[in-house]
């Protein structure tokens, strides 16, 4: 039996910021657009979250595909503004030849994903209603694993106000895990058995990932006034990644107040924490436009 040829597995960041866009000269290196990550596995196009970064991704896809049809799979972790606000500006939606399946889970919001997106495109907020989009849209409420061409995508509940889910993308033995907007349960509610079990379940979900994209929004000092807001500290994420034995960590969902110089300092802090722990974890921070191949 011949060895299976592995398809290229490429990740590219189009939006790295959390909560609010933060454009300007102080954020040019790490980026100012909100959450959007592109994943290509061979010919399978996956888009995780539709923050403002998805607008630039849409322009790039039209330039790439020209008159060819675009077939894509969109996964939305939850429906807070910074994860959906770019959706109406995603140009491939306005071409009839294109088709997108939009995946989410009822546990990540109180309404269906179709109803939420329809509401954001109501006439009070946007001139084009959802029904007038030219492309073919299929809305999928996830209930288990999504089987895409050559790829499996699983989800796991996160601890965030209103609910959220993270994703695990698997193909030919390679694993990308994506956890955005999550607060360590035992840290927020106390180290009871149920809370510790929930934290362990998340570790098991991302365990052994080749690449772990994880929200790290606060310093320890900032967390003191923002406990319960549904986000992790840098220390939380380093400890989580080491415990889950992931190979490579990308800090993500940067706070809008963290400019490039601050991010340099926080990244250095994280790398030093890894070194002191004696771990082989490779730690870096997401930057708009950066490509990573697994």
C-alpha atoms as a PDB file:
ATOM      1  CA  UNK A   1       0.000   0.000   0.000  1.00  0.00           C
ATOM      2  CA  UNK A   2       1.384   3.388  -0.980  1.00  0.00           C
ATOM      3  CA  UNK A   3       1.691   6.081   1.623  1.00  0.00           C
ATOM      4  CA  UNK A   4      -1.091   8.676   1.406  1.00  0.00           C
ATOM      5  CA  UNK A   5       0.124  12.039   0.131  1.00  0.00           C
ATOM      6  CA  UNK A   6      -0.698  14.707   2.648  1.00  0.00           C
ATOM      7  CA  UNK A   7      -2.673  17.670   1.417  1.00  0.00           C
ATOM      8  CA  UNK A   8      -1.355  21.132   2.288  1.00  0.00           C
ATOM      9  CA  UNK A   9      -2.816  22.362   5.593  1.00  0.00           C
ATOM     10  CA  UNK A  10      -2.416  26.139   5.773  1.00  0.00           C
ATOM     11  CA  UNK A  11      -3.698  28.663   8.325  1.00  0.00           C
ATOM     12  CA  UNK A  12      -3.814  32.403   7.650  1.00  0.00           C
ATOM     13  CA  UNK A  13      -4.887  35.200   9.979  1.00  0.00           C
ATOM     14  CA  UNK A  14      -7.112  37.960   8.603  1.00  0.00           C
ATOM     15  CA  UNK A  15      -8.326  39.357  11.942  1.00  0.00           C
ATOM     16  CA  UNK A  16      -6.525  38.924  15.263  1.00  0.00           C
ATOM     17  CA  UNK A  17      -8.204  41.448  17.549  1.00  0.00           C
ATOM     18  CA  UNK A  18     -10.903  40.835  20.162  1.00  0.00           C
ATOM     19  CA  UNK A  19     -13.869  42.935  21.335  1.00  0.00           C
ATOM     20  CA  UNK A  20     -13.407  45.891  18.983  1.00  0.00           C
ATOM     21  CA  UNK A  21     -11.402  46.794  15.896  1.00  0.00           C
ATOM     22  CA  UNK A  22      -8.259  48.755  16.753  1.00  0.00           C
ATOM     23  CA  UNK A  23      -6.839  50.190  13.510  1.00  0.00           C
ATOM     24  CA  UNK A  24      -4.003  52.668  13.375  1.00  0.00           C
ATOM     25  CA  UNK A  25      -0.222  53.036  13.450  1.00  0.00           C
ATOM     26  CA  UNK A  26       0.095  51.454  16.909  1.00  0.00           C
ATOM     27  CA  UNK A  27      -1.326  48.087  15.809  1.00  0.00           C
ATOM     28  CA  UNK A  28       0.145  47.565  12.352  1.00  0.00           C
ATOM     29  CA  UNK A  29       2.288  44.545  13.267  1.00  0.00           C
ATOM     30  CA  UNK A  30      -0.239  42.449  15.179  1.00  0.00           C
ATOM     31  CA  UNK A  31      -3.305  43.797  13.381  1.00  0.00           C
ATOM     32  CA  UNK A  32      -6.419  45.805  14.117  1.00  0.00           C
ATOM     33  CA  UNK A  33      -9.219  43.736  12.548  1.00  0.00           C
ATOM     34  CA  UNK A  34     -11.417  41.463  14.651  1.00  0.00           C
ATOM     35  CA  UNK A  35     -11.442  37.684  14.547  1.00  0.00           C
ATOM     36  CA  UNK A  36     -11.177  35.871  11.235  1.00  0.00           C
ATOM     37  CA  UNK A  37      -8.982  32.876  10.450  1.00  0.00           C
ATOM     38  CA  UNK A  38      -8.727  31.113   7.090  1.00  0.00           C
ATOM     39  CA  UNK A  39      -7.877  27.399   6.925  1.00  0.00           C
ATOM     40  CA  UNK A  40      -7.092  25.587   3.669  1.00  0.00           C
ATOM     41  CA  UNK A  41      -6.748  21.835   3.597  1.00  0.00           C
ATOM     42  CA  UNK A  42      -6.062  20.939   0.005  1.00  0.00           C
ATOM     43  CA  UNK A  43      -9.017  22.428  -1.870  1.00  0.00           C
ATOM     44  CA  UNK A  44     -11.253  22.710   1.192  1.00  0.00           C
ATOM     45  CA  UNK A  45     -11.790  26.306   2.329  1.00  0.00           C
ATOM     46  CA  UNK A  46     -12.708  26.868   5.980  1.00  0.00           C
ATOM     47  CA  UNK A  47     -13.339  30.267   7.561  1.00  0.00           C
ATOM     48  CA  UNK A  48     -13.439  30.513  11.345  1.00  0.00           C
ATOM     49  CA  UNK A  49     -15.341  33.589  12.553  1.00  0.00           C
ATOM     50  CA  UNK A  50     -16.467  36.602  10.551  1.00  0.00           C
ATOM     51  CA  UNK A  51     -15.061  39.624  12.336  1.00  0.00           C
ATOM     52  CA  UNK A  52     -13.933  42.648  10.349  1.00  0.00           C
ATOM     53  CA  UNK A  53     -10.980  40.676   8.984  1.00  0.00           C
ATOM     54  CA  UNK A  54     -13.317  38.680   6.731  1.00  0.00           C
ATOM     55  CA  UNK A  55     -13.740  41.705   4.461  1.00  0.00           C
ATOM     56  CA  UNK A  56     -10.099  41.535   3.362  1.00  0.00           C
ATOM     57  CA  UNK A  57     -10.345  37.762   3.034  1.00  0.00           C
ATOM     58  CA  UNK A  58     -13.302  38.213   0.685  1.00  0.00           C
ATOM     59  CA  UNK A  59     -11.315  40.574  -1.539  1.00  0.00           C
ATOM     60  CA  UNK A  60      -8.452  38.090  -1.641  1.00  0.00           C
ATOM     61  CA  UNK A  61     -10.746  35.178  -2.559  1.00  0.00           C
ATOM     62  CA  UNK A  62     -12.333  37.083  -5.444  1.00  0.00           C
ATOM     63  CA  UNK A  63      -8.883  37.988  -6.764  1.00  0.00           C
ATOM     64  CA  UNK A  64      -7.841  34.342  -6.495  1.00  0.00           C
ATOM     65  CA  UNK A  65     -10.916  32.630  -7.932  1.00  0.00           C
ATOM     66  CA  UNK A  66     -11.853  35.284 -10.537  1.00  0.00           C
ATOM     67  CA  UNK A  67     -14.867  33.804 -12.408  1.00  0.00           C
ATOM     68  CA  UNK A  68     -14.651  30.385 -10.738  1.00  0.00           C
ATOM     69  CA  UNK A  69     -17.149  29.365  -8.064  1.00  0.00           C
ATOM     70  CA  UNK A  70     -16.067  29.565  -4.435  1.00  0.00           C
ATOM     71  CA  UNK A  71     -17.187  26.715  -2.169  1.00  0.00           C
ATOM     72  CA  UNK A  72     -16.549  27.438   1.489  1.00  0.00           C
ATOM     73  CA  UNK A  73     -17.419  26.380   5.025  1.00  0.00           C
ATOM     74  CA  UNK A  74     -17.845  29.076   7.686  1.00  0.00           C
ATOM     75  CA  UNK A  75     -17.685  28.247  11.404  1.00  0.00           C
ATOM     76  CA  UNK A  76     -18.852  30.860  13.909  1.00  0.00           C
ATOM     77  CA  UNK A  77     -17.869  30.330  17.541  1.00  0.00           C
ATOM     78  CA  UNK A  78     -20.432  32.768  18.900  1.00  0.00           C
ATOM     79  CA  UNK A  79     -22.382  35.793  17.795  1.00  0.00           C
ATOM     80  CA  UNK A  80     -20.863  38.706  19.706  1.00  0.00           C
ATOM     81  CA  UNK A  81     -20.096  41.644  17.413  1.00  0.00           C
ATOM     82  CA  UNK A  82     -16.376  41.020  17.029  1.00  0.00           C
ATOM     83  CA  UNK A  83     -17.061  37.591  15.512  1.00  0.00           C
ATOM     84  CA  UNK A  84     -19.814  38.486  13.025  1.00  0.00           C
ATOM     85  CA  UNK A  85     -19.533  42.199  12.201  1.00  0.00           C
ATOM     86  CA  UNK A  86     -17.627  41.600   8.969  1.00  0.00           C
ATOM     87  CA  UNK A  87     -20.158  39.141   7.532  1.00  0.00           C
ATOM     88  CA  UNK A  88     -22.229  41.667   5.479  1.00  0.00           C
ATOM     89  CA  UNK A  89     -18.999  43.011   3.920  1.00  0.00           C
ATOM     90  CA  UNK A  90     -17.769  39.604   2.707  1.00  0.00           C
ATOM     91  CA  UNK A  91     -17.888  40.188  -1.060  1.00  0.00           C
ATOM     92  CA  UNK A  92     -18.197  36.535  -2.187  1.00  0.00           C
ATOM     93  CA  UNK A  93     -21.709  36.541  -0.662  1.00  0.00           C
ATOM     94  CA  UNK A  94     -22.845  38.822  -3.490  1.00  0.00           C
ATOM     95  CA  UNK A  95     -21.963  36.444  -6.352  1.00  0.00           C
ATOM     96  CA  UNK A  96     -24.501  33.828  -7.385  1.00  0.00           C
ATOM     97  CA  UNK A  97     -21.967  31.170  -8.350  1.00  0.00           C
ATOM     98  CA  UNK A  98     -20.641  30.864  -4.789  1.00  0.00           C
ATOM     99  CA  UNK A  99     -21.866  28.597  -1.992  1.00  0.00           C
ATOM    100  CA  UNK A 100     -21.185  28.682   1.744  1.00  0.00           C
ATOM    101  CA  UNK A 101     -22.295  26.437   4.592  1.00  0.00           C
ATOM    102  CA  UNK A 102     -22.441  28.411   7.853  1.00  0.00           C
ATOM    103  CA  UNK A 103     -21.907  26.227  10.909  1.00  0.00           C
ATOM    104  CA  UNK A 104     -22.593  27.088  14.530  1.00  0.00           C
ATOM    105  CA  UNK A 105     -24.198  25.428  17.526  1.00  0.00           C
ATOM    106  CA  UNK A 106     -27.289  26.381  19.480  1.00  0.00           C
ATOM    107  CA  UNK A 107     -25.233  26.329  22.677  1.00  0.00           C
ATOM    108  CA  UNK A 108     -23.164  29.232  21.385  1.00  0.00           C
ATOM    109  CA  UNK A 109     -26.117  31.656  21.205  1.00  0.00           C
ATOM    110  CA  UNK A 110     -29.807  31.846  22.052  1.00  0.00           C
ATOM    111  CA  UNK A 111     -31.106  32.070  18.484  1.00  0.00           C
ATOM    112  CA  UNK A 112     -30.314  30.172  15.295  1.00  0.00           C
ATOM    113  CA  UNK A 113     -27.291  31.515  13.463  1.00  0.00           C
ATOM    114  CA  UNK A 114     -29.529  32.368  10.505  1.00  0.00           C
ATOM    115  CA  UNK A 115     -31.816  34.469  12.694  1.00  0.00           C
ATOM    116  CA  UNK A 116     -28.890  36.324  14.261  1.00  0.00           C
ATOM    117  CA  UNK A 117     -27.284  37.191  10.925  1.00  0.00           C
ATOM    118  CA  UNK A 118     -30.653  38.157   9.493  1.00  0.00           C
ATOM    119  CA  UNK A 119     -31.103  40.564  12.395  1.00  0.00           C
ATOM    120  CA  UNK A 120     -27.712  42.215  11.877  1.00  0.00           C
ATOM    121  CA  UNK A 121     -28.655  42.873   8.246  1.00  0.00           C
ATOM    122  CA  UNK A 122     -32.063  44.365   9.060  1.00  0.00           C
ATOM    123  CA  UNK A 123     -32.753  47.742   7.449  1.00  0.00           C
ATOM    124  CA  UNK A 124     -31.971  49.631  10.671  1.00  0.00           C
ATOM    125  CA  UNK A 125     -28.345  48.458  10.426  1.00  0.00           C
ATOM    126  CA  UNK A 126     -27.557  47.530   6.814  1.00  0.00           C
ATOM    127  CA  UNK A 127     -28.958  48.346   3.347  1.00  0.00           C
ATOM    128  CA  UNK A 128     -28.988  44.776   1.972  1.00  0.00           C
ATOM    129  CA  UNK A 129     -31.109  42.126   3.741  1.00  0.00           C
ATOM    130  CA  UNK A 130     -29.896  38.556   4.118  1.00  0.00           C
ATOM    131  CA  UNK A 131     -32.470  37.303   1.612  1.00  0.00           C
ATOM    132  CA  UNK A 132     -30.970  39.490  -1.112  1.00  0.00           C
ATOM    133  CA  UNK A 133     -27.527  37.881  -0.962  1.00  0.00           C
ATOM    134  CA  UNK A 134     -26.825  36.309  -4.336  1.00  0.00           C
ATOM    135  CA  UNK A 135     -24.827  33.274  -3.198  1.00  0.00           C
ATOM    136  CA  UNK A 136     -26.222  29.985  -1.988  1.00  0.00           C
ATOM    137  CA  UNK A 137     -26.254  29.802   1.813  1.00  0.00           C
ATOM    138  CA  UNK A 138     -26.855  26.725   3.933  1.00  0.00           C
ATOM    139  CA  UNK A 139     -27.161  27.159   7.702  1.00  0.00           C
ATOM    140  CA  UNK A 140     -26.029  24.226   9.843  1.00  0.00           C
ATOM    141  CA  UNK A 141     -26.667  23.882  13.578  1.00  0.00           C
ATOM    142  CA  UNK A 142     -23.869  21.527  14.607  1.00  0.00           C
ATOM    143  CA  UNK A 143     -24.726  18.435  16.595  1.00  0.00           C
ATOM    144  CA  UNK A 144     -21.515  16.461  16.546  1.00  0.00           C
ATOM    145  CA  UNK A 145     -18.750  16.291  13.964  1.00  0.00           C
ATOM    146  CA  UNK A 146     -18.902  18.160  10.651  1.00  0.00           C
ATOM    147  CA  UNK A 147     -17.513  15.973   7.861  1.00  0.00           C
ATOM    148  CA  UNK A 148     -16.050  18.151   5.117  1.00  0.00           C
ATOM    149  CA  UNK A 149     -14.018  16.999   2.095  1.00  0.00           C
ATOM    150  CA  UNK A 150     -10.857  15.570   3.656  1.00  0.00           C
ATOM    151  CA  UNK A 151     -11.480  17.324   6.990  1.00  0.00           C
ATOM    152  CA  UNK A 152     -13.370  16.714  10.223  1.00  0.00           C
ATOM    153  CA  UNK A 153     -14.423  19.621  12.457  1.00  0.00           C
ATOM    154  CA  UNK A 154     -15.555  19.014  16.035  1.00  0.00           C
ATOM    155  CA  UNK A 155     -16.732  21.552  18.591  1.00  0.00           C
ATOM    156  CA  UNK A 156     -16.660  22.004  22.363  1.00  0.00           C
ATOM    157  CA  UNK A 157     -18.520  24.425  24.673  1.00  0.00           C
ATOM    158  CA  UNK A 158     -16.571  27.342  26.131  1.00  0.00           C
ATOM    159  CA  UNK A 159     -17.109  29.477  29.225  1.00  0.00           C
ATOM    160  CA  UNK A 160     -18.225  32.856  27.899  1.00  0.00           C
ATOM    161  CA  UNK A 161     -21.283  35.059  28.579  1.00  0.00           C
ATOM    162  CA  UNK A 162     -24.065  34.028  26.222  1.00  0.00           C
ATOM    163  CA  UNK A 163     -22.256  30.823  25.293  1.00  0.00           C
ATOM    164  CA  UNK A 164     -19.512  30.040  22.786  1.00  0.00           C
ATOM    165  CA  UNK A 165     -17.847  27.044  21.171  1.00  0.00           C
ATOM    166  CA  UNK A 166     -14.304  26.172  20.149  1.00  0.00           C
ATOM    167  CA  UNK A 167     -13.273  24.023  17.191  1.00  0.00           C
ATOM    168  CA  UNK A 168     -10.902  21.135  16.485  1.00  0.00           C
ATOM    169  CA  UNK A 169      -9.972  20.716  12.809  1.00  0.00           C
ATOM    170  CA  UNK A 170      -8.459  17.332  11.882  1.00  0.00           C
ATOM    171  CA  UNK A 171      -6.993  16.093   8.601  1.00  0.00           C
ATOM    172  CA  UNK A 172      -4.548  13.254   7.866  1.00  0.00           C
ATOM    173  CA  UNK A 173      -3.207  13.124  11.412  1.00  0.00           C
ATOM    174  CA  UNK A 174      -2.767  16.893  11.800  1.00  0.00           C
ATOM    175  CA  UNK A 175      -4.777  18.885  14.311  1.00  0.00           C
ATOM    176  CA  UNK A 176      -5.616  22.569  14.618  1.00  0.00           C
ATOM    177  CA  UNK A 177      -7.573  23.645  17.693  1.00  0.00           C
ATOM    178  CA  UNK A 178      -9.216  27.052  18.006  1.00  0.00           C
ATOM    179  CA  UNK A 179     -10.465  28.405  21.331  1.00  0.00           C
ATOM    180  CA  UNK A 180     -11.623  31.999  21.347  1.00  0.00           C
ATOM    181  CA  UNK A 181     -13.446  33.749  24.219  1.00  0.00           C
ATOM    182  CA  UNK A 182     -12.997  31.376  27.136  1.00  0.00           C
ATOM    183  CA  UNK A 183     -12.509  31.936  30.857  1.00  0.00           C
ATOM    184  CA  UNK A 184     -11.057  29.159  32.981  1.00  0.00           C
ATOM    185  CA  UNK A 185     -14.085  27.767  34.806  1.00  0.00           C
ATOM    186  CA  UNK A 186     -12.406  26.998  38.125  1.00  0.00           C
ATOM    187  CA  UNK A 187     -10.823  30.417  38.177  1.00  0.00           C
ATOM    188  CA  UNK A 188     -14.149  32.173  37.749  1.00  0.00           C
ATOM    189  CA  UNK A 189     -16.363  29.967  39.911  1.00  0.00           C
ATOM    190  CA  UNK A 190     -13.926  28.235  42.252  1.00  0.00           C
ATOM    191  CA  UNK A 191     -12.096  24.881  42.236  1.00  0.00           C
ATOM    192  CA  UNK A 192     -15.070  22.614  42.817  1.00  0.00           C
ATOM    193  CA  UNK A 193     -15.124  19.157  41.293  1.00  0.00           C
ATOM    194  CA  UNK A 194     -17.584  20.079  38.509  1.00  0.00           C
ATOM    195  CA  UNK A 195     -15.636  23.183  37.543  1.00  0.00           C
ATOM    196  CA  UNK A 196     -12.339  21.313  37.466  1.00  0.00           C
ATOM    197  CA  UNK A 197     -13.962  18.613  35.344  1.00  0.00           C
ATOM    198  CA  UNK A 198     -15.098  21.213  32.808  1.00  0.00           C
ATOM    199  CA  UNK A 199     -11.585  22.621  32.600  1.00  0.00           C
ATOM    200  CA  UNK A 200     -10.148  19.126  32.115  1.00  0.00           C
ATOM    201  CA  UNK A 201     -12.689  18.426  29.360  1.00  0.00           C
ATOM    202  CA  UNK A 202     -11.390  21.418  27.408  1.00  0.00           C
ATOM    203  CA  UNK A 203      -7.800  20.252  27.893  1.00  0.00           C
ATOM    204  CA  UNK A 204      -8.772  16.856  26.526  1.00  0.00           C
ATOM    205  CA  UNK A 205     -10.495  18.489  23.557  1.00  0.00           C
ATOM    206  CA  UNK A 206      -7.349  20.356  22.446  1.00  0.00           C
ATOM    207  CA  UNK A 207      -4.834  17.786  23.709  1.00  0.00           C
ATOM    208  CA  UNK A 208      -1.903  17.076  21.424  1.00  0.00           C
ATOM    209  CA  UNK A 209      -2.809  19.722  18.852  1.00  0.00           C
ATOM    210  CA  UNK A 210      -0.126  20.562  16.325  1.00  0.00           C
ATOM    211  CA  UNK A 211      -1.344  24.168  16.411  1.00  0.00           C
ATOM    212  CA  UNK A 212      -3.444  25.733  19.162  1.00  0.00           C
ATOM    213  CA  UNK A 213      -4.967  29.158  18.475  1.00  0.00           C
ATOM    214  CA  UNK A 214      -6.135  30.439  21.833  1.00  0.00           C
ATOM    215  CA  UNK A 215      -7.592  33.698  23.073  1.00  0.00           C
ATOM    216  CA  UNK A 216      -5.310  35.451  25.557  1.00  0.00           C
ATOM    217  CA  UNK A 217      -6.833  38.848  26.195  1.00  0.00           C
ATOM    218  CA  UNK A 218      -5.802  39.972  29.678  1.00  0.00           C
ATOM    219  CA  UNK A 219      -2.792  40.415  31.884  1.00  0.00           C
ATOM    220  CA  UNK A 220      -3.179  39.247  35.475  1.00  0.00           C
ATOM    221  CA  UNK A 221      -3.677  42.876  36.582  1.00  0.00           C
ATOM    222  CA  UNK A 222      -6.415  43.443  33.994  1.00  0.00           C
ATOM    223  CA  UNK A 223      -8.223  40.254  34.968  1.00  0.00           C
ATOM    224  CA  UNK A 224      -8.680  41.612  38.479  1.00  0.00           C
ATOM    225  CA  UNK A 225     -11.303  44.074  37.248  1.00  0.00           C
ATOM    226  CA  UNK A 226     -12.697  41.916  34.415  1.00  0.00           C
ATOM    227  CA  UNK A 227     -13.347  38.581  36.061  1.00  0.00           C
ATOM    228  CA  UNK A 228     -16.508  37.061  34.632  1.00  0.00           C
ATOM    229  CA  UNK A 229     -16.158  38.763  31.249  1.00  0.00           C
ATOM    230  CA  UNK A 230     -15.335  35.415  29.632  1.00  0.00           C
ATOM    231  CA  UNK A 231     -11.666  35.800  28.732  1.00  0.00           C
ATOM    232  CA  UNK A 232      -8.329  34.248  29.658  1.00  0.00           C
ATOM    233  CA  UNK A 233      -5.103  35.742  30.903  1.00  0.00           C
ATOM    234  CA  UNK A 234      -1.742  35.109  29.297  1.00  0.00           C
ATOM    235  CA  UNK A 235      -0.770  32.913  32.249  1.00  0.00           C
ATOM    236  CA  UNK A 236      -3.981  30.896  31.915  1.00  0.00           C
ATOM    237  CA  UNK A 237      -3.292  30.147  28.272  1.00  0.00           C
ATOM    238  CA  UNK A 238       0.340  29.153  28.776  1.00  0.00           C
ATOM    239  CA  UNK A 239      -0.607  26.816  31.616  1.00  0.00           C
ATOM    240  CA  UNK A 240      -3.506  25.399  29.589  1.00  0.00           C
ATOM    241  CA  UNK A 241      -1.307  24.747  26.573  1.00  0.00           C
ATOM    242  CA  UNK A 242       1.425  23.028  28.569  1.00  0.00           C
ATOM    243  CA  UNK A 243      -1.111  20.854  30.405  1.00  0.00           C
ATOM    244  CA  UNK A 244      -2.746  19.844  27.102  1.00  0.00           C
ATOM    245  CA  UNK A 245       0.644  18.998  25.558  1.00  0.00           C
ATOM    246  CA  UNK A 246       0.053  21.029  22.420  1.00  0.00           C
ATOM    247  CA  UNK A 247       3.044  21.541  20.168  1.00  0.00           C
ATOM    248  CA  UNK A 248       2.585  25.133  19.107  1.00  0.00           C
ATOM    249  CA  UNK A 249       0.548  27.977  20.615  1.00  0.00           C
ATOM    250  CA  UNK A 250      -0.625  31.137  18.864  1.00  0.00           C
ATOM    251  CA  UNK A 251      -1.890  33.873  21.201  1.00  0.00           C
ATOM    252  CA  UNK A 252      -5.036  35.362  19.678  1.00  0.00           C
ATOM    253  CA  UNK A 253      -7.959  37.779  20.198  1.00  0.00           C
ATOM    254  CA  UNK A 254      -5.684  40.598  21.320  1.00  0.00           C
ATOM    255  CA  UNK A 255      -7.280  43.218  23.539  1.00  0.00           C
ATOM    256  CA  UNK A 256      -7.955  46.462  21.597  1.00  0.00           C
ATOM    257  CA  UNK A 257      -5.887  48.422  24.133  1.00  0.00           C
ATOM    258  CA  UNK A 258      -2.803  46.227  23.620  1.00  0.00           C
ATOM    259  CA  UNK A 259      -0.697  47.984  21.004  1.00  0.00           C
ATOM    260  CA  UNK A 260       2.307  46.462  19.230  1.00  0.00           C
ATOM    261  CA  UNK A 261       4.805  47.435  21.914  1.00  0.00           C
ATOM    262  CA  UNK A 262       2.605  46.000  24.660  1.00  0.00           C
ATOM    263  CA  UNK A 263       2.131  42.790  22.680  1.00  0.00           C
ATOM    264  CA  UNK A 264       5.895  42.428  22.356  1.00  0.00           C
ATOM    265  CA  UNK A 265       6.190  42.598  26.142  1.00  0.00           C
ATOM    266  CA  UNK A 266       3.322  40.172  26.746  1.00  0.00           C
ATOM    267  CA  UNK A 267       4.729  37.701  24.219  1.00  0.00           C
ATOM    268  CA  UNK A 268       8.129  37.842  25.890  1.00  0.00           C
ATOM    269  CA  UNK A 269       6.438  37.205  29.240  1.00  0.00           C
ATOM    270  CA  UNK A 270       4.668  34.147  27.826  1.00  0.00           C
ATOM    271  CA  UNK A 271       7.817  32.737  26.281  1.00  0.00           C
ATOM    272  CA  UNK A 272       9.659  33.201  29.570  1.00  0.00           C
ATOM    273  CA  UNK A 273       6.860  31.379  31.439  1.00  0.00           C
ATOM    274  CA  UNK A 274       7.223  28.476  28.988  1.00  0.00           C
ATOM    275  CA  UNK A 275      10.995  28.430  29.525  1.00  0.00           C
ATOM    276  CA  UNK A 276      10.665  28.420  33.320  1.00  0.00           C
ATOM    277  CA  UNK A 277       8.239  25.513  33.085  1.00  0.00           C
ATOM    278  CA  UNK A 278      10.824  23.487  31.156  1.00  0.00           C
ATOM    279  CA  UNK A 279       8.336  22.978  28.327  1.00  0.00           C
ATOM    280  CA  UNK A 280       9.069  22.490  24.610  1.00  0.00           C
ATOM    281  CA  UNK A 281       5.965  24.500  23.695  1.00  0.00           C
ATOM    282  CA  UNK A 282       6.556  26.981  20.858  1.00  0.00           C
ATOM    283  CA  UNK A 283       4.709  30.210  21.599  1.00  0.00           C
ATOM    284  CA  UNK A 284       4.058  33.182  19.310  1.00  0.00           C
ATOM    285  CA  UNK A 285       1.279  35.719  18.702  1.00  0.00           C
ATOM    286  CA  UNK A 286      -1.154  36.021  15.798  1.00  0.00           C
ATOM    287  CA  UNK A 287      -0.394  38.725  13.240  1.00  0.00           C
ATOM    288  CA  UNK A 288      -2.660  39.748  10.393  1.00  0.00           C
ATOM    289  CA  UNK A 289      -1.508  38.222   7.121  1.00  0.00           C
ATOM    290  CA  UNK A 290       0.661  35.574   8.758  1.00  0.00           C
ATOM    291  CA  UNK A 291       0.558  32.099   7.182  1.00  0.00           C
ATOM    292  CA  UNK A 292       1.374  28.876   9.003  1.00  0.00           C
ATOM    293  CA  UNK A 293       1.609  25.451   7.400  1.00  0.00           C
ATOM    294  CA  UNK A 294       1.041  22.324   9.495  1.00  0.00           C
END
